[in-house]
Amino acid sequence: MEYVETDKLEKIHNRNLDISSYIIDEEHILITGEFQERNLITVYEKPDKPIEPHIFHHMKIQSIKAMPVNISLEVPMVWSVGLYPGTSKTII
């Protein structure tokens, strides 16, 4: 199927999902999401019951998360040939 230009077509339905992240402090971020779904034209579930254009789903979600921190630790690495002194990245 080839690409169809939508500029001149009538849009009948819309579904949007917007996700954003915000810094709260050095250890936490806020993640927000908003979902919205709407009909843009009149639709009929039954022949005599029109449903006018409206938003029928609208949700907002927020969550605070701790940010991982990378710390270099002086830890020997275990290899098949023995121990190797060095540093290793660790996520806490």
PDB file of N, CA and C in Angstrom:
ATOM      1  N   MET A   1       0.843  -1.179   0.000  1.00  0.00           N
ATOM      2  CA  MET A   1       0.000   0.000   0.000  1.00  0.00           C
ATOM      3  C   MET A   1       0.885   1.239   0.000  1.00  0.00           C
ATOM      4  N   GLU A   2       0.521   2.217  -0.765  1.00  0.00           N
ATOM      5  CA  GLU A   2       1.314   3.434  -0.838  1.00  0.00           C
ATOM      6  C   GLU A   2       0.860   4.451   0.203  1.00  0.00           C
ATOM      7  N   TYR A   3       1.716   5.419   0.474  1.00  0.00           N
ATOM      8  CA  TYR A   3       1.436   6.464   1.458  1.00  0.00           C
ATOM      9  C   TYR A   3       0.284   7.337   0.974  1.00  0.00           C
ATOM     10  N   VAL A   4      -0.659   7.640   1.863  1.00  0.00           N
ATOM     11  CA  VAL A   4      -1.815   8.469   1.531  1.00  0.00           C
ATOM     12  C   VAL A   4      -1.696   9.797   2.271  1.00  0.00           C
ATOM     13  N   GLU A   5      -1.746  10.891   1.560  1.00  0.00           N
ATOM     14  CA  GLU A   5      -1.736  12.221   2.177  1.00  0.00           C
ATOM     15  C   GLU A   5      -3.042  12.420   2.926  1.00  0.00           C
ATOM     16  N   THR A   6      -2.963  12.924   4.162  1.00  0.00           N
ATOM     17  CA  THR A   6      -4.167  13.091   4.985  1.00  0.00           C
ATOM     18  C   THR A   6      -4.654  14.530   5.065  1.00  0.00           C
ATOM     19  N   ASP A   7      -3.940  15.458   4.432  1.00  0.00           N
ATOM     20  CA  ASP A   7      -4.292  16.876   4.528  1.00  0.00           C
ATOM     21  C   ASP A   7      -5.732  17.172   4.105  1.00  0.00           C
ATOM     22  N   LYS A   8      -6.230  16.486   3.096  1.00  0.00           N
ATOM     23  CA  LYS A   8      -7.558  16.793   2.552  1.00  0.00           C
ATOM     24  C   LYS A   8      -8.618  15.790   2.981  1.00  0.00           C
ATOM     25  N   LEU A   9      -8.275  14.871   3.872  1.00  0.00           N
ATOM     26  CA  LEU A   9      -9.243  13.873   4.343  1.00  0.00           C
ATOM     27  C   LEU A   9      -9.909  14.339   5.627  1.00  0.00           C
ATOM     28  N   GLU A  10     -11.129  13.858   5.872  1.00  0.00           N
ATOM     29  CA  GLU A  10     -11.845  14.200   7.099  1.00  0.00           C
ATOM     30  C   GLU A  10     -11.389  13.279   8.226  1.00  0.00           C
ATOM     31  N   LYS A  11     -10.926  13.866   9.311  1.00  0.00           N
ATOM     32  CA  LYS A  11     -10.501  13.093  10.477  1.00  0.00           C
ATOM     33  C   LYS A  11     -11.737  12.762  11.303  1.00  0.00           C
ATOM     34  N   ILE A  12     -11.910  11.493  11.676  1.00  0.00           N
ATOM     35  CA  ILE A  12     -13.113  11.079  12.397  1.00  0.00           C
ATOM     36  C   ILE A  12     -12.849  10.645  13.832  1.00  0.00           C
ATOM     37  N   HIS A  13     -11.597  10.379  14.163  1.00  0.00           N
ATOM     38  CA  HIS A  13     -11.256   9.868  15.491  1.00  0.00           C
ATOM     39  C   HIS A  13      -9.858  10.342  15.846  1.00  0.00           C
ATOM     40  N   ASN A  14      -9.613  10.529  17.155  1.00  0.00           N
ATOM     41  CA  ASN A  14      -8.317  11.019  17.591  1.00  0.00           C
ATOM     42  C   ASN A  14      -7.944  10.330  18.900  1.00  0.00           C
ATOM     43  N   ARG A  15      -6.692   9.894  19.007  1.00  0.00           N
ATOM     44  CA  ARG A  15      -6.181   9.267  20.232  1.00  0.00           C
ATOM     45  C   ARG A  15      -4.792   9.832  20.478  1.00  0.00           C
ATOM     46  N   ASN A  16      -4.585  10.471  21.640  1.00  0.00           N
ATOM     47  CA  ASN A  16      -3.298  11.097  21.961  1.00  0.00           C
ATOM     48  C   ASN A  16      -2.736  10.540  23.254  1.00  0.00           C
ATOM     49  N   LEU A  17      -1.436  10.324  23.265  1.00  0.00           N
ATOM     50  CA  LEU A  17      -0.714   9.909  24.462  1.00  0.00           C
ATOM     51  C   LEU A  17       0.489  10.832  24.600  1.00  0.00           C
ATOM     52  N   ASP A  18       0.559  11.552  25.722  1.00  0.00           N
ATOM     53  CA  ASP A  18       1.641  12.504  25.961  1.00  0.00           C
ATOM     54  C   ASP A  18       2.364  12.080  27.236  1.00  0.00           C
ATOM     55  N   ILE A  19       3.662  11.827  27.154  1.00  0.00           N
ATOM     56  CA  ILE A  19       4.460  11.411  28.305  1.00  0.00           C
ATOM     57  C   ILE A  19       5.594  12.406  28.494  1.00  0.00           C
ATOM     58  N   SER A  20       5.745  12.917  29.738  1.00  0.00           N
ATOM     59  CA  SER A  20       6.792  13.886  30.046  1.00  0.00           C
ATOM     60  C   SER A  20       7.498  13.486  31.329  1.00  0.00           C
ATOM     61  N   SER A  21       8.752  13.914  31.479  1.00  0.00           N
ATOM     62  CA  SER A  21       9.542  13.662  32.683  1.00  0.00           C
ATOM     63  C   SER A  21      10.058  14.980  33.232  1.00  0.00           C
ATOM     64  N   TYR A  22      10.094  15.095  34.567  1.00  0.00           N
ATOM     65  CA  TYR A  22      10.530  16.319  35.233  1.00  0.00           C
ATOM     66  C   TYR A  22      11.508  15.975  36.358  1.00  0.00           C
ATOM     67  N   ILE A  23      12.523  16.796  36.560  1.00  0.00           N
ATOM     68  CA  ILE A  23      13.444  16.612  37.678  1.00  0.00           C
ATOM     69  C   ILE A  23      12.801  17.207  38.923  1.00  0.00           C
ATOM     70  N   ILE A  24      12.692  16.412  39.993  1.00  0.00           N
ATOM     71  CA  ILE A  24      12.173  16.904  41.272  1.00  0.00           C
ATOM     72  C   ILE A  24      13.330  17.378  42.138  1.00  0.00           C
ATOM     73  N   ASP A  25      14.323  16.519  42.303  1.00  0.00           N
ATOM     74  CA  ASP A  25      15.539  16.859  43.029  1.00  0.00           C
ATOM     75  C   ASP A  25      16.651  15.966  42.488  1.00  0.00           C
ATOM     76  N   GLU A  26      17.788  15.891  43.193  1.00  0.00           N
ATOM     77  CA  GLU A  26      18.927  15.124  42.682  1.00  0.00           C
ATOM     78  C   GLU A  26      18.678  13.619  42.647  1.00  0.00           C
ATOM     79  N   GLU A  27      17.674  13.147  43.360  1.00  0.00           N
ATOM     80  CA  GLU A  27      17.452  11.711  43.438  1.00  0.00           C
ATOM     81  C   GLU A  27      16.138  11.238  42.835  1.00  0.00           C
ATOM     82  N   HIS A  28      15.259  12.157  42.426  1.00  0.00           N
ATOM     83  CA  HIS A  28      13.937  11.743  41.968  1.00  0.00           C
ATOM     84  C   HIS A  28      13.520  12.473  40.692  1.00  0.00           C
ATOM     85  N   ILE A  29      12.752  11.744  39.873  1.00  0.00           N
ATOM     86  CA  ILE A  29      12.126  12.346  38.707  1.00  0.00           C
ATOM     87  C   ILE A  29      10.623  12.063  38.766  1.00  0.00           C
ATOM     88  N   LEU A  30       9.836  12.946  38.170  1.00  0.00           N
ATOM     89  CA  LEU A  30       8.395  12.781  38.066  1.00  0.00           C
ATOM     90  C   LEU A  30       8.082  12.432  36.625  1.00  0.00           C
ATOM     91  N   ILE A  31       7.351  11.346  36.423  1.00  0.00           N
ATOM     92  CA  ILE A  31       6.923  10.933  35.091  1.00  0.00           C
ATOM     93  C   ILE A  31       5.412  11.120  35.028  1.00  0.00           C
ATOM     94  N   THR A  32       4.947  11.867  34.035  1.00  0.00           N
ATOM     95  CA  THR A  32       3.514  12.100  33.880  1.00  0.00           C
ATOM     96  C   THR A  32       3.064  11.593  32.522  1.00  0.00           C
ATOM     97  N   GLY A  33       1.864  11.098  32.482  1.00  0.00           N
ATOM     98  CA  GLY A  33       1.284  10.655  31.222  1.00  0.00           C
ATOM     99  C   GLY A  33      -0.158  11.110  31.136  1.00  0.00           C
ATOM    100  N   GLU A  34      -0.568  11.495  29.942  1.00  0.00           N
ATOM    101  CA  GLU A  34      -1.960  11.881  29.721  1.00  0.00           C
ATOM    102  C   GLU A  34      -2.442  11.199  28.450  1.00  0.00           C
ATOM    103  N   PHE A  35      -3.558  10.505  28.581  1.00  0.00           N
ATOM    104  CA  PHE A  35      -4.167   9.789  27.460  1.00  0.00           C
ATOM    105  C   PHE A  35      -5.540  10.397  27.208  1.00  0.00           C
ATOM    106  N   GLN A  36      -5.821  10.722  25.951  1.00  0.00           N
ATOM    107  CA  GLN A  36      -7.119  11.299  25.615  1.00  0.00           C
ATOM    108  C   GLN A  36      -7.587  10.720  24.287  1.00  0.00           C
ATOM    109  N   GLU A  37      -8.852  10.292  24.274  1.00  0.00           N
ATOM    110  CA  GLU A  37      -9.423   9.713  23.060  1.00  0.00           C
ATOM    111  C   GLU A  37     -10.780  10.367  22.805  1.00  0.00           C
ATOM    112  N   ARG A  38     -11.042  10.702  21.535  1.00  0.00           N
ATOM    113  CA  ARG A  38     -12.299  11.380  21.220  1.00  0.00           C
ATOM    114  C   ARG A  38     -12.801  11.015  19.828  1.00  0.00           C
ATOM    115  N   ASN A  39     -14.126  11.056  19.699  1.00  0.00           N
ATOM    116  CA  ASN A  39     -14.754  10.985  18.382  1.00  0.00           C
ATOM    117  C   ASN A  39     -14.874  12.404  17.859  1.00  0.00           C
ATOM    118  N   LEU A  40     -14.618  12.593  16.584  1.00  0.00           N
ATOM    119  CA  LEU A  40     -14.684  13.914  15.986  1.00  0.00           C
ATOM    120  C   LEU A  40     -15.926  14.096  15.112  1.00  0.00           C
ATOM    121  N   ILE A  41     -16.708  13.028  14.934  1.00  0.00           N
ATOM    122  CA  ILE A  41     -17.947  13.086  14.165  1.00  0.00           C
ATOM    123  C   ILE A  41     -19.041  12.380  14.960  1.00  0.00           C
ATOM    124  N   THR A  42     -20.280  12.564  14.567  1.00  0.00           N
ATOM    125  CA  THR A  42     -21.396  11.849  15.181  1.00  0.00           C
ATOM    126  C   THR A  42     -21.343  10.392  14.730  1.00  0.00           C
ATOM    127  N   VAL A  43     -21.456   9.472  15.689  1.00  0.00           N
ATOM    128  CA  VAL A  43     -21.471   8.047  15.381  1.00  0.00           C
ATOM    129  C   VAL A  43     -22.770   7.448  15.926  1.00  0.00           C
ATOM    130  N   TYR A  44     -23.102   6.252  15.439  1.00  0.00           N
ATOM    131  CA  TYR A  44     -24.348   5.584  15.846  1.00  0.00           C
ATOM    132  C   TYR A  44     -24.028   4.182  16.336  1.00  0.00           C
ATOM    133  N   GLU A  45     -24.337   3.909  17.615  1.00  0.00           N
ATOM    134  CA  GLU A  45     -24.241   2.539  18.113  1.00  0.00           C
ATOM    135  C   GLU A  45     -25.524   1.787  17.783  1.00  0.00           C
ATOM    136  N   LYS A  46     -26.633   2.506  17.789  1.00  0.00           N
ATOM    137  CA  LYS A  46     -27.938   1.980  17.384  1.00  0.00           C
ATOM    138  C   LYS A  46     -28.508   2.968  16.369  1.00  0.00           C
ATOM    139  N   PRO A  47     -29.329   2.513  15.445  1.00  0.00           N
ATOM    140  CA  PRO A  47     -29.830   3.414  14.398  1.00  0.00           C
ATOM    141  C   PRO A  47     -30.514   4.676  14.916  1.00  0.00           C
ATOM    142  N   ASP A  48     -31.158   4.619  16.056  1.00  0.00           N
ATOM    143  CA  ASP A  48     -31.895   5.783  16.554  1.00  0.00           C
ATOM    144  C   ASP A  48     -31.177   6.507  17.690  1.00  0.00           C
ATOM    145  N   LYS A  49     -29.911   6.163  17.997  1.00  0.00           N
ATOM    146  CA  LYS A  49     -29.184   6.787  19.111  1.00  0.00           C
ATOM    147  C   LYS A  49     -27.868   7.386  18.623  1.00  0.00           C
ATOM    148  N   PRO A  50     -27.887   8.632  18.208  1.00  0.00           N
ATOM    149  CA  PRO A  50     -26.629   9.267  17.794  1.00  0.00           C
ATOM    150  C   PRO A  50     -25.766   9.600  19.006  1.00  0.00           C
ATOM    151  N   ILE A  51     -24.478   9.485  18.836  1.00  0.00           N
ATOM    152  CA  ILE A  51     -23.510   9.888  19.855  1.00  0.00           C
ATOM    153  C   ILE A  51     -22.719  11.044  19.256  1.00  0.00           C
ATOM    154  N   GLU A  52     -22.916  12.211  19.831  1.00  0.00           N
ATOM    155  CA  GLU A  52     -22.276  13.409  19.317  1.00  0.00           C
ATOM    156  C   GLU A  52     -20.766  13.385  19.608  1.00  0.00           C
ATOM    157  N   PRO A  53     -19.971  14.121  18.847  1.00  0.00           N
ATOM    158  CA  PRO A  53     -18.525  14.151  19.102  1.00  0.00           C
ATOM    159  C   PRO A  53     -18.223  14.559  20.544  1.00  0.00           C
ATOM    160  N   HIS A  54     -17.356  13.801  21.170  1.00  0.00           N
ATOM    161  CA  HIS A  54     -16.974  14.093  22.553  1.00  0.00           C
ATOM    162  C   HIS A  54     -15.727  13.307  22.936  1.00  0.00           C
ATOM    163  N   ILE A  55     -15.136  13.677  24.071  1.00  0.00           N
ATOM    164  CA  ILE A  55     -14.010  12.925  24.633  1.00  0.00           C
ATOM    165  C   ILE A  55     -14.601  11.780  25.438  1.00  0.00           C
ATOM    166  N   PHE A  56     -14.213  10.541  25.139  1.00  0.00           N
ATOM    167  CA  PHE A  56     -14.755   9.425  25.910  1.00  0.00           C
ATOM    168  C   PHE A  56     -13.710   8.709  26.753  1.00  0.00           C
ATOM    169  N   HIS A  57     -12.452   9.026  26.613  1.00  0.00           N
ATOM    170  CA  HIS A  57     -11.403   8.568  27.530  1.00  0.00           C
ATOM    171  C   HIS A  57     -10.477   9.744  27.821  1.00  0.00           C
ATOM    172  N   HIS A  58     -10.231   9.992  29.096  1.00  0.00           N
ATOM    173  CA  HIS A  58      -9.269  11.029  29.467  1.00  0.00           C
ATOM    174  C   HIS A  58      -8.655  10.608  30.799  1.00  0.00           C
ATOM    175  N   MET A  59      -7.378  10.260  30.783  1.00  0.00           N
ATOM    176  CA  MET A  59      -6.668   9.769  31.959  1.00  0.00           C
ATOM    177  C   MET A  59      -5.403  10.568  32.173  1.00  0.00           C
ATOM    178  N   LYS A  60      -5.088  10.832  33.442  1.00  0.00           N
ATOM    179  CA  LYS A  60      -3.806  11.439  33.805  1.00  0.00           C
ATOM    180  C   LYS A  60      -3.151  10.536  34.844  1.00  0.00           C
ATOM    181  N   ILE A  61      -1.865  10.250  34.643  1.00  0.00           N
ATOM    182  CA  ILE A  61      -1.115   9.349  35.525  1.00  0.00           C
ATOM    183  C   ILE A  61       0.178  10.049  35.930  1.00  0.00           C
ATOM    184  N   GLN A  62       0.546   9.921  37.212  1.00  0.00           N
ATOM    185  CA  GLN A  62       1.824  10.458  37.681  1.00  0.00           C
ATOM    186  C   GLN A  62       2.523   9.405  38.518  1.00  0.00           C
ATOM    187  N   SER A  63       3.853   9.396  38.440  1.00  0.00           N
ATOM    188  CA  SER A  63       4.658   8.473  39.237  1.00  0.00           C
ATOM    189  C   SER A  63       6.004   9.127  39.537  1.00  0.00           C
ATOM    190  N   ILE A  64       6.450   9.004  40.768  1.00  0.00           N
ATOM    191  CA  ILE A  64       7.769   9.515  41.154  1.00  0.00           C
ATOM    192  C   ILE A  64       8.726   8.330  41.231  1.00  0.00           C
ATOM    193  N   LYS A  65       9.874   8.463  40.595  1.00  0.00           N
ATOM    194  CA  LYS A  65      10.867   7.382  40.547  1.00  0.00           C
ATOM    195  C   LYS A  65      12.195   7.871  41.088  1.00  0.00           C
ATOM    196  N   ALA A  66      12.922   6.970  41.742  1.00  0.00           N
ATOM    197  CA  ALA A  66      14.296   7.263  42.168  1.00  0.00           C
ATOM    198  C   ALA A  66      15.207   7.078  40.961  1.00  0.00           C
ATOM    199  N   MET A  67      16.166   7.994  40.786  1.00  0.00           N
ATOM    200  CA  MET A  67      17.094   7.902  39.665  1.00  0.00           C
ATOM    201  C   MET A  67      18.274   7.013  40.046  1.00  0.00           C
ATOM    202  N   PRO A  68      18.677   6.092  39.164  1.00  0.00           N
ATOM    203  CA  PRO A  68      19.865   5.283  39.449  1.00  0.00           C
ATOM    204  C   PRO A  68      21.127   6.139  39.438  1.00  0.00           C
ATOM    205  N   VAL A  69      22.082   5.763  40.254  1.00  0.00           N
ATOM    206  CA  VAL A  69      23.350   6.489  40.355  1.00  0.00           C
ATOM    207  C   VAL A  69      24.479   5.530  40.016  1.00  0.00           C
ATOM    208  N   ASN A  70      25.361   5.937  39.104  1.00  0.00           N
ATOM    209  CA  ASN A  70      26.532   5.129  38.761  1.00  0.00           C
ATOM    210  C   ASN A  70      27.682   5.482  39.691  1.00  0.00           C
ATOM    211  N   ILE A  71      28.248   4.475  40.354  1.00  0.00           N
ATOM    212  CA  ILE A  71      29.379   4.681  41.255  1.00  0.00           C
ATOM    213  C   ILE A  71      30.471   3.687  40.876  1.00  0.00           C
ATOM    214  N   SER A  72      31.688   4.185  40.674  1.00  0.00           N
ATOM    215  CA  SER A  72      32.806   3.287  40.398  1.00  0.00           C
ATOM    216  C   SER A  72      33.297   2.691  41.719  1.00  0.00           C
ATOM    217  N   LEU A  73      33.376   1.388  41.778  1.00  0.00           N
ATOM    218  CA  LEU A  73      33.842   0.698  42.980  1.00  0.00           C
ATOM    219  C   LEU A  73      35.170   0.005  42.688  1.00  0.00           C
ATOM    220  N   GLU A  74      36.053   0.022  43.658  1.00  0.00           N
ATOM    221  CA  GLU A  74      37.312  -0.722  43.533  1.00  0.00           C
ATOM    222  C   GLU A  74      37.009  -2.174  43.856  1.00  0.00           C
ATOM    223  N   VAL A  75      36.774  -2.952  42.826  1.00  0.00           N
ATOM    224  CA  VAL A  75      36.390  -4.351  43.012  1.00  0.00           C
ATOM    225  C   VAL A  75      37.216  -5.202  42.050  1.00  0.00           C
ATOM    226  N   PRO A  76      37.820  -6.267  42.553  1.00  0.00           N
ATOM    227  CA  PRO A  76      38.520  -7.154  41.617  1.00  0.00           C
ATOM    228  C   PRO A  76      37.518  -7.929  40.764  1.00  0.00           C
ATOM    229  N   MET A  77      37.837  -8.103  39.486  1.00  0.00           N
ATOM    230  CA  MET A  77      36.977  -8.875  38.597  1.00  0.00           C
ATOM    231  C   MET A  77      37.426 -10.323  38.607  1.00  0.00           C
ATOM    232  N   VAL A  78      36.456 -11.222  38.630  1.00  0.00           N
ATOM    233  CA  VAL A  78      36.767 -12.653  38.602  1.00  0.00           C
ATOM    234  C   VAL A  78      36.676 -13.123  37.155  1.00  0.00           C
ATOM    235  N   TRP A  79      37.782 -13.615  36.629  1.00  0.00           N
ATOM    236  CA  TRP A  79      37.829 -14.166  35.281  1.00  0.00           C
ATOM    237  C   TRP A  79      38.108 -15.650  35.374  1.00  0.00           C
ATOM    238  N   SER A  80      38.038 -16.307  34.251  1.00  0.00           N
ATOM    239  CA  SER A  80      38.329 -17.743  34.244  1.00  0.00           C
ATOM    240  C   SER A  80      39.791 -18.029  34.565  1.00  0.00           C
ATOM    241  N   VAL A  81      40.672 -17.011  34.372  1.00  0.00           N
ATOM    242  CA  VAL A  81      42.100 -17.220  34.659  1.00  0.00           C
ATOM    243  C   VAL A  81      42.483 -16.704  36.045  1.00  0.00           C
ATOM    244  N   GLY A  82      41.508 -16.220  36.822  1.00  0.00           N
ATOM    245  CA  GLY A  82      41.821 -15.735  38.164  1.00  0.00           C
ATOM    246  C   GLY A  82      41.233 -14.361  38.421  1.00  0.00           C
ATOM    247  N   LEU A  83      41.828 -13.638  39.382  1.00  0.00           N
ATOM    248  CA  LEU A  83      41.358 -12.298  39.747  1.00  0.00           C
ATOM    249  C   LEU A  83      42.114 -11.236  38.970  1.00  0.00           C
ATOM    250  N   TYR A  84      41.409 -10.158  38.609  1.00  0.00           N
ATOM    251  CA  TYR A  84      42.025  -9.029  37.939  1.00  0.00           C
ATOM    252  C   TYR A  84      41.675  -7.772  38.730  1.00  0.00           C
ATOM    253  N   PRO A  85      42.669  -7.063  39.299  1.00  0.00           N
ATOM    254  CA  PRO A  85      42.346  -5.863  40.073  1.00  0.00           C
ATOM    255  C   PRO A  85      41.861  -4.753  39.150  1.00  0.00           C
ATOM    256  N   GLY A  86      40.833  -4.018  39.550  1.00  0.00           N
ATOM    257  CA  GLY A  86      40.348  -2.915  38.708  1.00  0.00           C
ATOM    258  C   GLY A  86      39.085  -2.315  39.277  1.00  0.00           C
ATOM    259  N   THR A  87      38.387  -1.550  38.440  1.00  0.00           N
ATOM    260  CA  THR A  87      37.154  -0.901  38.877  1.00  0.00           C
ATOM    261  C   THR A  87      35.986  -1.455  38.075  1.00  0.00           C
ATOM    262  N   SER A  88      34.798  -1.346  38.643  1.00  0.00           N
ATOM    263  CA  SER A  88      33.594  -1.852  38.008  1.00  0.00           C
ATOM    264  C   SER A  88      32.476  -0.828  38.212  1.00  0.00           C
ATOM    265  N   LYS A  89      31.677  -0.559  37.179  1.00  0.00           N
ATOM    266  CA  LYS A  89      30.524   0.327  37.307  1.00  0.00           C
ATOM    267  C   LYS A  89      29.395  -0.426  38.009  1.00  0.00           C
ATOM    268  N   THR A  90      28.787   0.228  38.974  1.00  0.00           N
ATOM    269  CA  THR A  90      27.698  -0.369  39.716  1.00  0.00           C
ATOM    270  C   THR A  90      26.540   0.605  39.741  1.00  0.00           C
ATOM    271  N   ILE A  91      25.322   0.111  39.502  1.00  0.00           N
ATOM    272  CA  ILE A  91      24.121   0.949  39.599  1.00  0.00           C
ATOM    273  C   ILE A  91      23.434   0.655  40.903  1.00  0.00           C
ATOM    274  N   ILE A  92      23.227   1.715  41.700  1.00  0.00           N
ATOM    275  CA  ILE A  92      22.589   1.571  43.005  1.00  0.00           C
ATOM    276  C   ILE A  92      21.191   2.119  42.921  1.00  0.00           C
TER     277      ILE A  92
END
